[in-house]
Structures are given as C-alpha cells and as structure tokens.
Amino acid sequence: MIDNQLFILGILFLNIAICEWLVSRTFLKHFGTAMLVILITAVEANIGVIPSSTDAPILYDLIFQFIAPLAIFMLILECQISAIRAAGMPLLIMFAIGSFGTMAGAIIGGLIAAGPENIGEFFPQIAGMFTGTYTGGSINFNAVALEYDLNKEGNLYAGAVAIDNIWTAIWMIITIALPQALSKLWPRRLNKQSDSIQAPSEKDLNDTEKVNPYGLSILAVLGIGALLFSEFVSDQLKSAGIPIPSILILTTISLLLAQLKRIQKIHGSRLLGIIGIYLFLAVIGAYCDFATLPKMGDLAYHLLFFVGIVVFVHGLITFGLGALLKQDWDIIALASQANVGGSGSALALARSLNRHDLLLPAILIGTLGNAVGTYLAFMVVAYYS
C-alpha cells in the first residue's frame, strides 16, 4: 500500500485537511498550515506511512515539476496592479523601500556571515529564496527553490523554512511593538486611508471563493499552456546562451494575464494555488529525513545568523528612511511586515494596530510582493553566482 501512488496522494490531501482543521480550531493556528503540513508529513515519512526521499515515488517528482509551478501561476493571478493603487502612495513608497532593504540585507548578510564559505554551494539560491520571501511571501521562496531543485534537499529546505518562520514571528512582534514605542518618542500624524476603500471580502480574509467547473477548467488550460510555453521559451533562450529561468517567464505571463478584465472575472485561482502549494510543502516534508537533521550542525546556526542580518538590515533601512520621510509609523510597520510576512501577516498586523483603514491595503500590498519578489530573488542569485 505504501507504494500505491493513489494511496500516497490521499494521505497528502488528508494531511492538508487535518492541518487546516488544526489551524482553524486549536492553538496551533500560530504555527500556520504551511509549517504543520511539512511537520506532519515528515513524521509520516520517517515512520514509514508514506515513502521518504530515499525511495521517492514518481508522484513527488510530478508535484515538484507540475503542481508547484502551476500553484505559483495561480497565486500570481491575484495581483491586479490597478487595485494595488488603492493601497495609497505612502504605503507603496515604504513597500518599495522595504524591498530595497531586503536586497541590501541579503548582500550585506552574505558578507558578514561569510555565506559562500559557511553555508556552502547552495548559498546563492538560499540568499535568493530569503530575498524573495522577505519581499512578499513564500511563493517567491518556493519559486527559487523549484528552479534550482533545492526543494529536493529536504533537510536544508525544511531548515530554511523553519528559520524563515522563526524570524517572521520575531519580526511580527517587533512591528507590533515599534509603532507604539516610536509614536511616544517621535509622534506622527496618522495617515488615514480614504473611507472609499472597501472592506476586505470574505475571499480576502479566509481564502474562500465561489467556483464552478467552467472557471476551474479555464484556469487549468491557462496554467498548463503558460507552463508549457515558459519551459519552451526558457529552453530556447538557454540554448542561445541566455539563461532565464522558466519560473521567471511563468511569473511574467501570470502577471500580465492578471491585468485582463476577463481573467479577473474567473474565480478559483487562489483556491487552486493554495492547495497546490500545500501539496508541494507536504512533499517537502516527506523529503525530510530526521536521522540526518543533526548533521546540519553549525549550518543551522549560520543560516539563522545570515537571515537575522537580512531582517535587521531590512528593518534598519525601512524604519530609518521612513523616519526621515516622516511617514506614519503604522504604515512603515505595515509595509515592512508585508515584505517579511506577506499578505496574511500584514493583515494581522493591521488588526493588531487597530487600523481598520489599512486592512485592504495590507492585502493589496502583500499581493504586490508576490509579483515582484521573484524578480528580486533571481537578481540576488545572479549577484552571488
């Protein structure tokens, strides 16, 4: 039974369902579905319920090769540039500054932490992954991992995910506390967003959509077509001596399609994207071999130190330039959190700061991060390569 592809797929979907239930009903909501899916699947693989990396079934490769890129394509379809304008110019400016801060952090961190020497051959990809995820979210992290097959380095990848979650949680606490502390030292006038900005919808808040077979089928056709086209173009460019990653071409196609009114009317892209990402993360869990985790040794500390520098430099630049521009402290913190944690944590921060006028802008600015993070990530990879 353990070698039955259908049985394995059923277990992976069951894991997603269990984790979604745990996150919605228990204290484990603080861990998030993504991390729980990795952990639960890792335990199952290590006790023999499903195959691990040593005897990986073809299903795992299919998810890596097709499902994960399609999931990224679907999630990028959420990025509507015309809607992002509603986030307001101050927030957009601070988000751009924060993105620059993340790139600077990845470069400075590589120097201070001696990344190539201490982290090893995969350091350029690791630096790119953290540039991507601290620009707008985990789909950028995964885009780089997929392009360079780092997802198959199960323990390294899982360790990077864990460190990402640690620093994201720490930064959430900091961005909640800093606006209150800084407001007492250097008061700022609150930059209230327009009352005309609508409240977040149920789809924005809870990852729910009304779907139908027609819409899902059209999305599937678009995704498969874009994936085939991006791989073809990438192969042609590489043969011509221009090594552009196929995932970058796929991201560009999705971003362009997302601006079309007809595409915006089709529902289901977020749902398909999230399920695909969770399946991908479940397989990452299966690739984790607990017996080899201790072998990471000092590598874990070097990773933790490097990522800490990335976050610190990002924060220093974002809050420093924000202070010089005399921006609202809440907006500075929100832009920073949208960079480091993505839409979800930015939304949570807006709630924590009691800034209901910033709820929808938080979601919109996080979506922008999804769109641009992959480009910045590959720029950092190219810098170190």
Protein backbone atom coordinates (compact mmCIF):
# COMPACT_ATOMS: atom_id res chain seq x y z
CA MET A 1 0.00 0.00 0.00
CA ILE A 2 2.85 2.40 0.81
CA ASP A 3 3.97 2.24 -2.84
CA ASN A 4 0.50 2.93 -4.23
CA GLN A 5 0.54 6.40 -5.84
CA LEU A 6 -3.17 6.96 -5.20
CA PHE A 7 -2.79 6.00 -1.52
CA ILE A 8 0.12 8.45 -1.13
CA LEU A 9 -1.85 11.25 -2.79
CA GLY A 10 -4.79 10.53 -0.48
CA ILE A 11 -2.52 10.80 2.56
CA LEU A 12 -1.12 14.13 1.35
CA PHE A 13 -4.61 15.58 0.92
CA LEU A 14 -5.64 14.17 4.30
CA ASN A 15 -2.67 15.93 5.88
CA ILE A 16 -3.78 19.23 4.36
CA ALA A 17 -7.31 18.74 5.70
CA ILE A 18 -6.02 17.87 9.19
CA CYS A 19 -3.71 20.88 9.27
CA GLU A 20 -6.44 23.26 8.09
CA TRP A 21 -8.70 21.93 10.87
CA LEU A 22 -5.95 22.30 13.49
CA VAL A 23 -5.19 25.85 12.41
CA SER A 24 -8.84 26.89 12.49
CA ARG A 25 -9.84 25.08 15.71
CA THR A 26 -6.82 24.85 18.02
CA PHE A 27 -3.91 26.82 19.47
CA LEU A 28 -1.80 25.50 16.58
CA LYS A 29 -3.13 28.38 14.46
CA HIS A 30 0.05 30.22 15.45
CA PHE A 31 2.11 27.67 13.50
CA GLY A 32 0.14 28.06 10.29
CA THR A 33 -0.99 25.38 7.83
CA ALA A 34 2.23 25.50 5.78
CA MET A 35 4.53 24.60 8.67
CA LEU A 36 2.17 21.95 10.07
CA VAL A 37 1.84 20.23 6.69
CA ILE A 38 5.62 19.91 6.47
CA LEU A 39 5.92 18.59 10.04
CA ILE A 40 3.09 16.04 9.89
CA THR A 41 4.17 14.66 6.51
CA ALA A 42 7.78 14.48 7.71
CA VAL A 43 6.73 12.37 10.70
CA GLU A 44 4.70 10.04 8.48
CA ALA A 45 7.61 9.60 6.05
CA ASN A 46 10.05 8.86 8.85
CA ILE A 47 7.83 6.20 10.47
CA GLY A 48 7.07 4.55 7.12
CA VAL A 49 3.45 5.58 6.48
CA ILE A 50 4.47 7.06 3.12
CA PRO A 51 7.77 6.91 1.19
CA SER A 52 10.63 9.24 2.10
CA SER A 53 13.29 10.77 -0.13
CA THR A 54 15.31 7.55 -0.26
CA ASP A 55 12.56 5.76 -2.19
CA ALA A 56 10.66 8.76 -3.54
CA PRO A 57 7.75 7.77 -5.83
CA ILE A 58 7.12 9.39 -9.20
CA LEU A 59 4.23 11.29 -7.61
CA TYR A 60 6.69 13.51 -5.71
CA ASP A 61 8.51 14.44 -8.91
CA LEU A 62 5.21 15.21 -10.66
CA ILE A 63 4.20 17.57 -7.84
CA PHE A 64 7.58 19.30 -8.00
CA GLN A 65 7.58 19.53 -11.78
CA PHE A 66 3.97 20.49 -12.49
CA ILE A 67 1.78 21.18 -9.45
CA ALA A 68 4.12 23.63 -7.67
CA PRO A 69 4.78 25.88 -10.71
CA LEU A 70 1.06 25.85 -11.55
CA ALA A 71 0.27 26.86 -7.95
CA ILE A 72 2.63 29.83 -8.24
CA PHE A 73 0.99 30.79 -11.55
CA MET A 74 -2.47 30.69 -9.92
CA LEU A 75 -1.47 32.82 -6.95
CA ILE A 76 0.17 35.48 -9.13
CA LEU A 77 -3.16 35.81 -10.99
CA GLU A 78 -4.39 37.57 -7.84
CA CYS A 79 -2.09 40.54 -8.47
CA GLN A 80 -4.12 43.32 -10.10
CA ILE A 81 -1.96 46.40 -10.44
CA SER A 82 -4.96 48.71 -10.85
CA ALA A 83 -6.30 47.58 -7.47
CA ILE A 84 -2.91 47.92 -5.77
CA ARG A 85 -3.06 51.69 -6.34
CA ALA A 86 -5.79 51.77 -3.70
CA ALA A 87 -3.15 50.93 -1.09
CA GLY A 88 -2.04 54.56 -1.25
CA MET A 89 1.23 56.18 -2.30
CA PRO A 90 2.81 56.36 1.20
CA LEU A 91 2.39 52.60 1.68
CA LEU A 92 3.66 51.85 -1.83
CA ILE A 93 6.74 54.03 -1.27
CA MET A 94 7.51 52.34 2.04
CA PHE A 95 6.99 48.92 0.47
CA ALA A 96 9.50 49.78 -2.28
CA ILE A 97 11.98 50.97 0.35
CA GLY A 98 11.45 47.75 2.32
CA SER A 99 12.07 45.66 -0.79
CA PHE A 100 15.33 47.51 -1.39
CA GLY A 101 16.20 46.94 2.27
CA THR A 102 15.71 43.19 1.86
CA MET A 103 18.01 43.04 -1.17
CA ALA A 104 20.62 45.10 0.66
CA GLY A 105 20.27 42.79 3.66
CA ALA A 106 20.89 39.70 1.53
CA ILE A 107 24.06 41.22 0.09
CA ILE A 108 25.37 42.64 3.36
CA GLY A 109 24.38 39.45 5.20
CA GLY A 110 26.36 37.36 2.75
CA LEU A 111 29.46 39.39 3.52
CA ILE A 112 29.09 39.49 7.31
CA ALA A 113 28.01 35.85 7.67
CA ALA A 114 30.54 34.67 5.05
CA GLY A 115 27.67 32.93 3.33
CA PRO A 116 29.51 31.15 0.48
CA GLU A 117 32.05 29.69 2.94
CA ASN A 118 29.77 28.85 5.90
CA ILE A 119 26.53 27.91 4.11
CA GLY A 120 28.11 26.29 1.08
CA GLU A 121 27.37 25.68 -2.56
CA PHE A 122 23.67 26.44 -2.23
CA PHE A 123 24.22 29.88 -0.70
CA PRO A 124 23.28 31.90 -3.85
CA GLN A 125 19.96 30.06 -4.00
CA ILE A 126 19.41 30.42 -0.24
CA ALA A 127 20.11 34.17 -0.48
CA GLY A 128 17.67 34.42 -3.37
CA MET A 129 14.99 32.45 -1.52
CA PHE A 130 15.14 34.75 1.50
CA THR A 131 15.23 37.84 -0.70
CA GLY A 132 12.05 36.60 -2.34
CA THR A 133 10.20 35.61 0.80
CA TYR A 134 11.16 38.85 2.61
CA THR A 135 9.96 40.90 -0.33
CA GLY A 136 6.49 39.46 -0.46
CA GLY A 137 5.96 35.92 0.72
CA SER A 138 6.63 32.22 0.48
CA ILE A 139 5.65 31.73 -3.16
CA ASN A 140 8.81 33.64 -4.11
CA PHE A 141 10.80 31.44 -1.72
CA ASN A 142 9.42 28.34 -3.44
CA ALA A 143 9.91 29.71 -6.96
CA VAL A 144 13.68 29.89 -6.44
CA ALA A 145 13.78 26.50 -4.70
CA LEU A 146 11.95 24.87 -7.61
CA GLU A 147 14.15 26.39 -10.28
CA TYR A 148 17.34 25.04 -8.68
CA ASP A 149 15.89 21.79 -7.27
CA LEU A 150 16.68 22.94 -3.75
CA ASN A 151 13.32 21.50 -2.73
CA LYS A 152 14.90 18.05 -3.07
CA GLU A 153 17.49 18.95 -0.44
CA GLY A 154 14.84 18.04 2.11
CA ASN A 155 16.63 18.84 5.35
CA LEU A 156 18.25 22.04 4.12
CA TYR A 157 14.95 23.23 2.71
CA ALA A 158 13.00 22.31 5.83
CA GLY A 159 15.62 24.03 7.98
CA ALA A 160 15.34 27.16 5.83
CA VAL A 161 11.55 27.10 6.19
CA ALA A 162 11.83 26.76 9.98
CA ILE A 163 14.29 29.67 10.18
CA ASP A 164 12.03 31.73 7.92
CA ASN A 165 9.13 31.10 10.33
CA ILE A 166 11.25 31.97 13.37
CA TRP A 167 12.34 35.35 12.01
CA THR A 168 8.90 36.12 10.61
CA ALA A 169 7.38 35.54 14.05
CA ILE A 170 10.06 37.68 15.72
CA TRP A 171 9.52 40.46 13.20
CA MET A 172 5.76 40.35 13.75
CA ILE A 173 6.32 41.04 17.46
CA ILE A 174 8.75 43.86 16.62
CA THR A 175 6.40 45.52 14.12
CA ILE A 176 3.58 45.42 16.66
CA ALA A 177 5.70 47.00 19.38
CA LEU A 178 7.76 49.52 17.37
CA PRO A 179 4.94 51.83 16.17
CA GLN A 180 3.68 52.28 19.73
CA ALA A 181 7.16 52.92 21.13
CA LEU A 182 8.24 55.24 18.32
CA SER A 183 4.96 57.19 18.46
CA LYS A 184 5.75 58.11 22.06
CA LEU A 185 9.26 59.25 21.22
CA TRP A 186 8.54 60.93 17.88
CA PRO A 187 4.78 61.45 17.40
CA ARG A 188 3.46 61.28 13.85
CA ARG A 189 0.09 62.32 12.44
CA LEU A 190 -1.81 59.19 11.40
CA ASN A 191 -2.10 58.91 7.63
CA LYS A 192 -5.67 57.64 7.39
CA GLN A 193 -6.63 55.85 4.20
CA SER A 194 -9.64 57.00 2.23
CA ASP A 195 -13.04 55.97 3.55
CA SER A 196 -13.90 54.99 -0.03
CA ILE A 197 -11.63 51.95 0.21
CA GLN A 198 -13.90 48.94 0.62
CA ALA A 199 -13.54 46.45 3.43
CA PRO A 200 -11.78 43.16 2.73
CA SER A 201 -14.09 40.49 1.32
CA GLU A 202 -14.55 37.00 2.73
CA LYS A 203 -12.29 35.78 -0.08
CA ASP A 204 -9.53 38.15 1.05
CA LEU A 205 -9.82 37.11 4.69
CA ASN A 206 -10.48 33.38 4.55
CA ASP A 207 -9.12 32.03 1.24
CA THR A 208 -12.65 31.11 0.10
CA GLU A 209 -14.03 31.51 -3.41
CA LYS A 210 -17.18 30.68 -5.31
CA VAL A 211 -16.06 28.35 -8.10
CA ASN A 212 -17.62 26.46 -10.98
CA PRO A 213 -16.40 23.81 -13.46
CA TYR A 214 -16.12 26.30 -16.33
CA GLY A 215 -13.89 28.70 -14.40
CA LEU A 216 -11.67 25.96 -12.97
CA SER A 217 -11.27 24.40 -16.42
CA ILE A 218 -10.28 27.71 -18.00
CA LEU A 219 -7.74 28.31 -15.23
CA ALA A 220 -6.30 24.84 -15.76
CA VAL A 221 -5.94 25.45 -19.50
CA LEU A 222 -4.28 28.81 -18.91
CA GLY A 223 -1.91 27.38 -16.32
CA ILE A 224 -0.88 24.36 -18.38
CA GLY A 225 -0.46 26.49 -21.51
CA ALA A 226 1.64 29.06 -19.67
CA LEU A 227 3.80 26.34 -18.10
CA LEU A 228 4.48 24.67 -21.46
CA PHE A 229 5.20 28.00 -23.13
CA SER A 230 7.54 29.20 -20.36
CA GLU A 231 9.54 25.96 -20.46
CA PHE A 232 9.81 26.16 -24.26
CA VAL A 233 10.95 29.80 -24.21
CA SER A 234 13.41 29.13 -21.39
CA ASP A 235 14.95 26.19 -23.27
CA GLN A 236 15.29 28.29 -26.42
CA LEU A 237 16.91 31.15 -24.54
CA LYS A 238 19.30 28.84 -22.70
CA SER A 239 20.39 27.25 -25.99
CA ALA A 240 21.08 30.79 -27.22
CA GLY A 241 23.26 31.47 -24.18
CA ILE A 242 20.63 33.49 -22.27
CA PRO A 243 19.88 31.54 -19.07
CA ILE A 244 16.49 32.93 -17.98
CA PRO A 245 14.66 30.63 -15.51
CA SER A 246 11.35 29.24 -16.75
CA ILE A 247 9.67 30.13 -13.45
CA LEU A 248 10.51 33.80 -14.10
CA ILE A 249 8.86 33.61 -17.51
CA LEU A 250 5.85 31.85 -15.95
CA THR A 251 5.58 34.61 -13.33
CA THR A 252 5.64 37.28 -16.04
CA ILE A 253 2.92 35.55 -18.06
CA SER A 254 0.72 35.20 -14.98
CA LEU A 255 1.28 38.85 -14.01
CA LEU A 256 0.28 40.02 -17.49
CA LEU A 257 -2.82 37.81 -17.55
CA ALA A 258 -3.83 39.09 -14.12
CA GLN A 259 -4.38 42.57 -15.58
CA LEU A 260 -7.02 41.39 -18.08
CA LYS A 261 -10.64 42.05 -17.06
CA ARG A 262 -11.82 38.70 -18.42
CA ILE A 263 -9.28 36.82 -16.33
CA GLN A 264 -10.17 38.81 -13.21
CA LYS A 265 -13.77 37.60 -13.51
CA ILE A 266 -12.73 33.94 -13.29
CA HIS A 267 -12.80 32.61 -9.73
CA GLY A 268 -10.77 29.79 -8.27
CA SER A 269 -7.14 30.78 -8.83
CA ARG A 270 -6.43 31.40 -5.15
CA LEU A 271 -8.05 28.13 -4.11
CA LEU A 272 -6.13 26.10 -6.69
CA GLY A 273 -2.90 27.94 -5.87
CA ILE A 274 -3.12 27.36 -2.13
CA ILE A 275 -3.94 23.66 -2.48
CA GLY A 276 -1.05 23.24 -4.92
CA ILE A 277 1.39 24.99 -2.56
CA TYR A 278 0.25 22.82 0.36
CA LEU A 279 0.78 19.66 -1.73
CA PHE A 280 4.26 20.90 -2.59
CA LEU A 281 5.05 21.57 1.07
CA ALA A 282 3.74 18.14 2.04
CA VAL A 283 6.24 16.53 -0.33
CA ILE A 284 8.96 18.75 1.16
CA GLY A 285 8.04 17.18 4.49
CA ALA A 286 8.37 13.72 3.01
CA TYR A 287 11.90 14.60 1.90
CA CYS A 288 12.95 15.38 5.48
CA ASP A 289 15.00 12.59 6.98
CA PHE A 290 15.10 13.15 10.75
CA ALA A 291 18.14 10.91 11.08
CA THR A 292 20.23 13.36 9.08
CA LEU A 293 18.97 16.55 10.73
CA PRO A 294 21.73 16.57 13.38
CA LYS A 295 24.22 16.53 10.51
CA MET A 296 23.19 20.10 9.72
CA GLY A 297 25.19 21.07 12.82
CA ASP A 298 26.69 24.55 12.51
CA LEU A 299 24.91 25.10 9.21
CA ALA A 300 21.68 25.78 11.11
CA TYR A 301 23.38 28.49 13.18
CA HIS A 302 24.99 30.05 10.11
CA LEU A 303 21.60 30.14 8.39
CA LEU A 304 19.95 31.65 11.45
CA PHE A 305 22.67 34.32 11.66
CA PHE A 306 22.54 35.16 7.94
CA VAL A 307 18.75 35.51 7.89
CA GLY A 308 18.87 37.59 11.06
CA ILE A 309 21.17 40.06 9.29
CA VAL A 310 18.82 40.18 6.28
CA VAL A 311 15.88 41.06 8.54
CA PHE A 312 17.91 43.55 10.63
CA VAL A 313 19.20 45.46 7.58
CA HIS A 314 15.71 45.44 6.07
CA GLY A 315 14.28 46.90 9.28
CA LEU A 316 17.04 49.48 9.67
CA ILE A 317 16.60 50.78 6.13
CA THR A 318 12.79 50.68 6.18
CA PHE A 319 12.28 52.39 9.53
CA GLY A 320 15.31 54.68 9.05
CA LEU A 321 14.21 56.07 5.69
CA GLY A 322 10.59 56.07 6.84
CA ALA A 323 11.60 58.25 9.77
CA LEU A 324 13.50 60.64 7.50
CA LEU A 325 10.42 60.88 5.26
CA LYS A 326 8.28 61.48 8.37
CA GLN A 327 5.90 58.68 7.48
CA ASP A 328 3.18 57.35 9.75
CA TRP A 329 4.83 54.70 11.97
CA ASP A 330 1.91 52.31 11.42
CA ILE A 331 2.33 52.50 7.65
CA ILE A 332 6.09 51.90 7.93
CA ALA A 333 5.48 48.83 10.11
CA LEU A 334 2.75 47.53 7.80
CA ALA A 335 4.90 47.88 4.68
CA SER A 336 7.76 46.09 6.45
CA GLN A 337 5.52 43.27 7.60
CA ALA A 338 4.04 42.91 4.11
CA ASN A 339 7.63 42.41 2.91
CA VAL A 340 8.69 39.94 5.57
CA GLY A 341 5.47 38.02 6.16
CA GLY A 342 3.28 38.62 3.12
CA SER A 343 -0.42 39.49 2.96
CA GLY A 344 -1.51 37.31 5.85
CA SER A 345 0.80 38.73 8.48
CA ALA A 346 0.35 42.28 7.18
CA LEU A 347 -3.40 41.86 7.61
CA ALA A 348 -2.88 40.51 11.13
CA LEU A 349 -0.65 43.49 11.95
CA ALA A 350 -3.25 45.99 10.72
CA ARG A 351 -5.75 44.34 13.03
CA SER A 352 -3.32 44.37 15.95
CA LEU A 353 -2.64 48.09 15.43
CA ASN A 354 -6.41 48.71 15.30
CA ARG A 355 -6.02 50.28 11.86
CA HIS A 356 -9.14 49.07 10.07
CA ASP A 357 -8.46 51.56 7.29
CA LEU A 358 -5.32 49.57 6.48
CA LEU A 359 -6.89 46.10 6.26
CA LEU A 360 -7.47 46.06 2.50
CA PRO A 361 -4.24 47.99 1.70
CA ALA A 362 -2.38 45.31 3.69
CA ILE A 363 -3.76 42.61 1.42
CA LEU A 364 -3.10 44.61 -1.73
CA ILE A 365 0.49 45.47 -0.85
CA GLY A 366 1.18 41.83 0.05
CA THR A 367 -0.08 40.82 -3.38
CA LEU A 368 2.39 43.24 -4.96
CA GLY A 369 5.15 41.47 -3.05
CA ASN A 370 4.09 38.17 -4.57
CA ALA A 371 4.51 39.73 -8.01
CA VAL A 372 7.89 41.44 -7.64
CA GLY A 373 9.62 39.18 -5.12
CA THR A 374 10.58 36.50 -7.63
CA TYR A 375 12.35 39.04 -9.86
CA LEU A 376 14.38 40.46 -6.97
CA ALA A 377 15.17 36.95 -5.75
CA PHE A 378 16.74 35.91 -9.05
CA MET A 379 18.69 39.17 -9.17
CA VAL A 380 20.33 38.24 -5.87
CA VAL A 381 21.02 34.69 -7.10
CA ALA A 382 22.69 36.18 -10.18
CA TYR A 383 24.73 38.55 -7.97
CA TYR A 384 26.22 35.65 -5.98
CA SER A 385 26.60 33.23 -8.90
